[in-house]
Amino acid sequence: MKALYFAWVRERVGRAEEELNPPPAVETVGDLIAWLCERGEGYAYAFDKPAAVRAALDRVHARSDASIMGVKEVAFFPPMTGG
C-alpha cells in the first residue's frame, strides 16, 4: 500500500510518501502505526501521540480500529481546523 504523510507527520518521518508492505499480523490502522513506530526514530517521534494523528484509508477518514485489508492508500495527518 502507498503511505502518504502530511504536515508535521511528514517532517518527522522524513518523507512525503512511501510504499509499505506490513506483515499479515498488521490488520488495523492502530496496528500499522505501532508497526511504523518500530521502523525507526522518525516514525516513533511522528506517532508518539497516536491520538494527535488522523488517518484516511483510500481517502476516507478512518479510526484506529479500522481494517487496512485491501487498502491501496493510507494517509496520516494532524487534525485540521478551519478558519
Protein backbone atom coordinates (compact mmCIF):
# COMPACT_ATOMS: atom_id res chain seq x y z
CA MET A 1 0.00 0.00 0.00
CA LYS A 2 1.06 3.57 -0.51
CA ALA A 3 1.53 5.70 2.62
CA LEU A 4 1.24 9.48 2.46
CA TYR A 5 2.45 11.75 5.25
CA PHE A 6 1.35 15.37 5.67
CA ALA A 7 2.42 18.43 7.69
CA TRP A 8 4.49 17.71 10.80
CA VAL A 9 3.99 13.94 10.37
CA ARG A 10 5.88 14.24 7.05
CA GLU A 11 8.57 16.36 8.67
CA ARG A 12 9.13 13.87 11.48
CA VAL A 13 9.07 10.77 9.25
CA GLY A 14 11.37 12.49 6.76
CA ARG A 15 9.44 11.70 3.59
CA ALA A 16 6.16 12.58 1.92
CA GLU A 17 5.26 9.07 0.76
CA GLU A 18 6.44 5.50 0.52
CA GLU A 19 5.29 2.00 -0.33
CA LEU A 20 4.55 -0.19 2.68
CA ASN A 21 4.33 -3.96 2.93
CA PRO A 22 3.30 -4.63 6.53
CA PRO A 23 3.24 -8.22 7.79
CA PRO A 24 -0.09 -10.09 7.88
CA ALA A 25 -0.47 -9.52 11.64
CA VAL A 26 -0.88 -5.78 10.96
CA GLU A 27 -4.64 -5.59 10.43
CA THR A 28 -5.81 -2.15 11.61
CA VAL A 29 -4.73 1.48 11.43
CA GLY A 30 -3.57 1.19 15.05
CA ASP A 31 -1.53 -1.91 14.23
CA LEU A 32 0.01 -0.08 11.29
CA ILE A 33 1.00 2.87 13.46
CA ALA A 34 2.59 0.52 16.01
CA TRP A 35 4.47 -1.28 13.22
CA LEU A 36 5.66 2.01 11.74
CA CYS A 37 6.98 3.10 15.16
CA GLU A 38 9.27 0.07 15.11
CA ARG A 39 10.82 1.22 11.80
CA GLY A 40 12.90 3.99 13.31
CA GLU A 41 13.26 7.08 15.41
CA GLY A 42 11.49 9.42 12.97
CA TYR A 43 8.42 7.21 12.84
CA ALA A 44 8.39 6.78 16.62
CA TYR A 45 8.56 10.56 17.00
CA ALA A 46 5.82 11.17 14.40
CA PHE A 47 3.45 8.73 16.10
CA ASP A 48 4.45 9.25 19.74
CA LYS A 49 0.94 10.60 20.43
CA PRO A 50 -1.31 8.47 18.22
CA ALA A 51 -4.42 10.41 19.25
CA ALA A 52 -2.87 13.51 17.65
CA VAL A 53 -2.62 11.84 14.21
CA ARG A 54 -5.55 11.28 11.88
CA ALA A 55 -5.70 8.62 9.19
CA ALA A 56 -7.55 8.21 5.92
CA LEU A 57 -7.90 4.92 4.06
CA ASP A 58 -8.38 5.34 0.34
CA ARG A 59 -9.30 8.99 1.05
CA VAL A 60 -11.92 8.23 3.71
CA HIS A 61 -11.27 9.21 7.32
CA ALA A 62 -10.72 6.15 9.50
CA ARG A 63 -10.45 5.33 13.19
CA SER A 64 -7.56 3.39 14.69
CA ASP A 65 -9.61 0.18 14.77
CA ALA A 66 -10.42 0.33 11.04
CA SER A 67 -9.19 -2.59 8.95
CA ILE A 68 -6.42 -1.93 6.42
CA MET A 69 -7.12 -5.12 4.48
CA GLY A 70 -7.31 -4.36 0.76
CA VAL A 71 -6.45 -0.68 1.22
CA LYS A 72 -4.38 0.87 -1.57
CA GLU A 73 -3.57 4.17 0.17
CA VAL A 74 -3.24 5.31 3.76
CA ALA A 75 -2.66 8.95 4.67
CA PHE A 76 -1.51 10.29 8.02
CA PHE A 77 -2.00 13.93 9.01
CA PRO A 78 -2.56 16.11 12.06
CA PRO A 79 -6.05 17.27 12.99
CA MET A 80 -7.15 20.23 10.90
CA THR A 81 -9.06 23.30 11.88
CA GLY A 82 -10.91 25.69 9.68
CA GLY A 83 -10.98 29.39 9.80
